[in-house]
Amino acid sequence: MTNSIEMALRLFSPKGALHEPAAGRQFNALGRDEFIGALQVAAKNNPQGLQFLMADHLSDEGAIQGLLAHFCTALGCSDAGGMAMAILLRRPLPEQLGHLVLSHPHYDKERRRAAVVMEKAKRAHRSGNDHEYQRLLSERNGILQLARDHCVAEMLQSGRCPHCRGTGIRQRKGDECPKCHGTGRVVPHVELVSHRFGQEMRRRVEQLVDGVIHQASDLSKIMDRQVREMRAA
């Protein structure tokens, strides 16, 4: 991400709004209106590119929904559109979640807690206390369900690889994580699209995703050019 794009996105970030240049700063410093104007020019022919940057860097809900609608409409299928969105934002596809949850450190911790509760349930069952057995069994199932829900929500929000906890490095061996190839992010399995919808749908999904990324690249180049021209004026 270029410096111009980073500065422009800060305008929309609740954590770090860009302020107008203070007195005494260099004469060609740009303020809020200039960056917004440059961004509007750059986004005119690259609307999905801007949505992608805002979704990826700011987790902007409006941008996410706009991109999802774009994919669903272009593909004529909401499920395929959701998979395209996951691939674009480097999030796990639905078919990957079950396996990834089992690798999540939070789930592993809660699974051990659930195992202790299950042992108590077995003892209650052996002693003939069916009421206590059912209560403990329900508690154990609830622990696992809550843990799964937590892990799914966290991975869909952050995209962090659960195997290396987002570091890109295996904790014990200290080498590159083989699951995310050192990126620290979940790697969406694009082949799952063809398994579910066929090769033609996979081709269309990849084409649309590449198109959005290309728009983001074009937007960055145009934004930089606009900023350079304004500073030189």
Protein backbone atom coordinates (compact mmCIF):
# COMPACT_ATOMS: atom_id res chain seq x y z
CA MET A 1 0.00 0.00 0.00
CA THR A 2 1.47 3.35 -1.04
CA ASN A 3 1.87 6.28 1.33
CA SER A 4 -0.80 8.29 -0.51
CA ILE A 5 -3.35 5.49 -0.15
CA GLU A 6 -2.42 5.00 3.52
CA MET A 7 -2.97 8.68 4.21
CA ALA A 8 -6.28 8.67 2.35
CA LEU A 9 -7.56 5.59 4.20
CA ARG A 10 -6.76 7.27 7.51
CA LEU A 11 -9.54 9.72 6.66
CA PHE A 12 -12.01 6.89 7.10
CA SER A 13 -10.36 5.25 10.08
CA PRO A 14 -11.91 5.89 13.51
CA LYS A 15 -8.49 5.19 15.08
CA GLY A 16 -6.47 7.80 13.26
CA ALA A 17 -8.18 10.59 11.35
CA LEU A 18 -5.98 12.78 9.20
CA HIS A 19 -5.95 16.39 10.35
CA GLU A 20 -5.49 19.53 8.34
CA PRO A 21 -1.87 20.68 8.03
CA ALA A 22 -0.87 22.82 10.97
CA ALA A 23 0.60 26.29 10.54
CA GLY A 24 4.30 26.24 9.90
CA ARG A 25 4.33 23.01 7.93
CA GLN A 26 5.81 22.99 4.46
CA PHE A 27 3.82 25.01 1.92
CA ASN A 28 3.01 22.02 -0.29
CA ALA A 29 1.59 19.82 2.49
CA LEU A 30 -1.82 18.43 1.63
CA GLY A 31 -4.85 18.37 3.89
CA ARG A 32 -8.08 16.48 4.20
CA ASP A 33 -9.89 18.00 1.22
CA GLU A 34 -6.96 17.44 -1.11
CA PHE A 35 -6.63 13.79 -0.20
CA ILE A 36 -10.37 13.21 -0.50
CA GLY A 37 -10.38 14.88 -3.90
CA ALA A 38 -7.45 12.76 -5.12
CA LEU A 39 -9.11 9.62 -3.82
CA GLN A 40 -12.39 10.45 -5.56
CA VAL A 41 -10.59 10.91 -8.87
CA ALA A 42 -8.67 7.65 -8.42
CA ALA A 43 -11.79 5.70 -7.42
CA LYS A 44 -13.97 6.98 -10.28
CA ASN A 45 -13.06 4.08 -12.57
CA ASN A 46 -11.95 1.75 -9.78
CA PRO A 47 -14.90 1.53 -7.35
CA GLN A 48 -14.28 -2.08 -6.33
CA GLY A 49 -10.60 -1.29 -5.86
CA LEU A 50 -11.47 1.30 -3.22
CA GLN A 51 -13.96 -1.06 -1.58
CA PHE A 52 -11.26 -3.73 -1.41
CA LEU A 53 -8.76 -1.41 0.27
CA MET A 54 -11.33 -0.24 2.80
CA ALA A 55 -12.51 -3.79 3.49
CA ASP A 56 -9.00 -5.20 3.76
CA HIS A 57 -7.36 -2.44 5.82
CA LEU A 58 -10.29 -0.96 7.74
CA SER A 59 -12.75 -3.89 7.86
CA ASP A 60 -15.35 -1.41 6.61
CA GLU A 61 -18.73 -3.16 6.68
CA GLY A 62 -20.20 -1.06 3.87
CA ALA A 63 -17.27 -1.90 1.60
CA ILE A 64 -17.51 -5.59 2.49
CA GLN A 65 -21.21 -5.71 1.67
CA GLY A 66 -20.63 -3.78 -1.56
CA LEU A 67 -17.98 -6.23 -2.73
CA LEU A 68 -20.11 -9.20 -1.74
CA ALA A 69 -23.04 -7.84 -3.75
CA HIS A 70 -20.71 -7.29 -6.71
CA PHE A 71 -19.49 -10.89 -6.63
CA CYS A 72 -22.93 -12.41 -6.08
CA THR A 73 -24.43 -10.44 -8.97
CA ALA A 74 -21.55 -11.16 -11.36
CA LEU A 75 -21.53 -14.88 -10.57
CA GLY A 76 -25.30 -15.27 -10.25
CA CYS A 77 -24.82 -17.30 -7.07
CA SER A 78 -24.63 -16.12 -3.47
CA ASP A 79 -22.56 -19.10 -2.30
CA ALA A 80 -19.98 -18.63 -5.05
CA GLY A 81 -19.99 -14.89 -4.32
CA GLY A 82 -19.20 -15.61 -0.68
CA MET A 83 -16.32 -17.86 -1.69
CA ALA A 84 -14.95 -15.16 -4.01
CA MET A 85 -15.13 -12.68 -1.13
CA ALA A 86 -13.24 -15.06 1.17
CA ILE A 87 -10.52 -15.59 -1.44
CA LEU A 88 -10.15 -11.84 -2.01
CA LEU A 89 -9.81 -11.04 1.71
CA ARG A 90 -7.74 -14.17 2.42
CA ARG A 91 -10.30 -15.72 4.72
CA PRO A 92 -11.08 -19.44 5.11
CA LEU A 93 -13.72 -20.94 2.86
CA PRO A 94 -16.65 -22.65 4.64
CA GLU A 95 -15.27 -26.11 3.85
CA GLN A 96 -11.96 -25.22 5.54
CA LEU A 97 -13.41 -24.05 8.84
CA GLY A 98 -13.91 -27.46 10.45
CA HIS A 99 -10.26 -28.43 10.05
CA LEU A 100 -8.93 -24.99 10.97
CA VAL A 101 -11.00 -24.85 14.16
CA LEU A 102 -9.33 -28.04 15.39
CA SER A 103 -5.95 -26.33 14.96
CA HIS A 104 -6.95 -23.16 16.78
CA PRO A 105 -5.21 -22.70 20.18
CA HIS A 106 -8.41 -21.43 21.82
CA TYR A 107 -10.32 -24.51 20.72
CA ASP A 108 -7.53 -26.77 21.96
CA LYS A 109 -7.68 -25.14 25.39
CA GLU A 110 -11.47 -25.41 25.58
CA ARG A 111 -11.38 -28.98 24.26
CA ARG A 112 -9.23 -29.98 27.23
CA ARG A 113 -11.66 -28.26 29.60
CA ALA A 114 -14.55 -30.09 27.92
CA ALA A 115 -12.70 -33.41 28.33
CA VAL A 116 -12.55 -32.88 32.10
CA VAL A 117 -16.31 -32.23 32.19
CA MET A 118 -16.88 -35.34 30.06
CA GLU A 119 -14.94 -37.48 32.53
CA LYS A 120 -17.24 -36.25 35.31
CA ALA A 121 -20.23 -37.09 33.11
CA LYS A 122 -18.95 -40.64 32.59
CA ARG A 123 -18.54 -41.12 36.33
CA ALA A 124 -22.09 -39.89 36.89
CA HIS A 125 -23.33 -42.30 34.22
CA ARG A 126 -21.51 -45.24 35.80
CA SER A 127 -23.00 -44.38 39.18
CA GLY A 128 -26.50 -44.34 37.68
CA ASN A 129 -27.07 -40.60 38.13
CA ASP A 130 -28.65 -39.96 34.74
CA HIS A 131 -29.78 -36.42 35.59
CA GLU A 132 -26.24 -35.34 36.47
CA TYR A 133 -24.90 -37.17 33.41
CA GLN A 134 -27.23 -35.27 31.09
CA ARG A 135 -26.38 -31.95 32.74
CA LEU A 136 -22.64 -32.49 32.42
CA LEU A 137 -22.99 -33.77 28.86
CA SER A 138 -24.90 -30.61 27.94
CA GLU A 139 -22.22 -28.49 29.64
CA ARG A 140 -19.48 -30.25 27.68
CA ASN A 141 -21.29 -29.81 24.36
CA GLY A 142 -21.89 -26.16 25.17
CA ILE A 143 -18.20 -25.57 25.86
CA LEU A 144 -17.23 -27.07 22.49
CA GLN A 145 -19.91 -25.18 20.58
CA LEU A 146 -18.97 -21.84 22.12
CA ALA A 147 -15.31 -22.54 21.41
CA ARG A 148 -16.05 -23.38 17.79
CA ASP A 149 -18.18 -20.26 17.35
CA HIS A 150 -15.42 -18.12 18.88
CA CYS A 151 -12.72 -19.59 16.63
CA VAL A 152 -14.82 -19.27 13.46
CA ALA A 153 -15.66 -15.65 14.24
CA GLU A 154 -12.02 -14.83 15.01
CA MET A 155 -10.68 -16.41 11.81
CA LEU A 156 -13.34 -14.80 9.63
CA GLN A 157 -12.57 -11.42 11.21
CA SER A 158 -8.77 -11.52 11.30
CA GLY A 159 -7.78 -14.13 8.72
CA ARG A 160 -4.91 -15.21 11.01
CA CYS A 161 -3.47 -18.67 10.49
CA PRO A 162 -4.34 -20.72 13.61
CA HIS A 163 -1.40 -23.08 13.16
CA CYS A 164 1.21 -20.36 13.82
CA ARG A 165 -1.13 -17.87 15.55
CA GLY A 166 -0.56 -15.35 12.80
CA THR A 167 3.23 -15.17 13.21
CA GLY A 168 4.14 -17.10 10.06
CA ILE A 169 6.58 -19.16 12.15
CA ARG A 170 6.11 -22.55 13.80
CA GLN A 171 6.52 -22.06 17.54
CA ARG A 172 8.56 -25.14 18.39
CA LYS A 173 10.78 -25.43 15.30
CA GLY A 174 11.12 -21.73 14.56
CA ASP A 175 10.88 -22.25 10.80
CA GLU A 176 8.31 -21.10 8.25
CA CYS A 177 4.76 -22.24 8.92
CA PRO A 178 3.95 -24.82 6.21
CA LYS A 179 0.22 -24.08 6.37
CA CYS A 180 0.37 -20.37 5.54
CA HIS A 181 3.82 -20.36 3.89
CA GLY A 182 5.09 -17.75 6.34
CA THR A 183 2.37 -15.18 5.64
CA GLY A 184 0.61 -15.59 8.97
CA ARG A 185 -2.71 -15.56 7.10
CA VAL A 186 -5.17 -18.30 6.22
CA VAL A 187 -4.64 -19.57 2.68
CA PRO A 188 -8.05 -20.01 0.98
CA HIS A 189 -8.20 -23.28 -0.94
CA VAL A 190 -9.35 -22.04 -4.33
CA GLU A 191 -9.73 -25.59 -5.62
CA LEU A 192 -12.72 -25.98 -3.32
CA VAL A 193 -14.64 -23.71 -5.71
CA SER A 194 -14.16 -26.16 -8.57
CA HIS A 195 -15.02 -29.11 -6.31
CA ARG A 196 -18.35 -27.51 -5.52
CA PHE A 197 -19.23 -25.60 -8.68
CA GLY A 198 -16.89 -26.86 -11.42
CA GLN A 199 -13.87 -25.49 -13.24
CA GLU A 200 -15.78 -22.82 -15.17
CA MET A 201 -17.04 -21.22 -11.95
CA ARG A 202 -13.56 -21.33 -10.48
CA ARG A 203 -12.23 -19.52 -13.56
CA ARG A 204 -14.90 -16.83 -13.22
CA VAL A 205 -14.23 -16.43 -9.49
CA GLU A 206 -10.49 -16.05 -10.01
CA GLN A 207 -11.09 -13.60 -12.87
CA LEU A 208 -13.35 -11.42 -10.71
CA VAL A 209 -10.97 -11.50 -7.74
CA ASP A 210 -8.03 -10.60 -9.97
CA GLY A 211 -10.09 -7.76 -11.45
CA VAL A 212 -10.72 -6.22 -8.04
CA ILE A 213 -7.03 -6.50 -7.10
CA HIS A 214 -6.09 -4.93 -10.42
CA GLN A 215 -8.49 -2.05 -9.70
CA ALA A 216 -6.83 -1.49 -6.32
CA SER A 217 -3.44 -1.36 -8.02
CA ASP A 218 -4.68 1.13 -10.61
CA LEU A 219 -6.30 3.24 -7.90
CA SER A 220 -2.99 3.43 -6.02
CA LYS A 221 -1.11 4.56 -9.13
CA ILE A 222 -3.68 7.22 -10.01
CA MET A 223 -3.81 8.40 -6.39
CA ASP A 224 -0.03 8.82 -6.29
CA ARG A 225 -0.06 10.75 -9.55
CA GLN A 226 -2.80 13.06 -8.29
CA VAL A 227 -0.93 13.76 -5.06
CA ARG A 228 2.34 14.46 -6.88
CA GLU A 229 0.59 16.88 -9.24
CA MET A 230 -1.09 18.73 -6.35
CA ARG A 231 2.18 19.03 -4.45
CA ALA A 232 3.93 20.34 -7.54
CA ALA A 233 1.22 22.94 -8.23
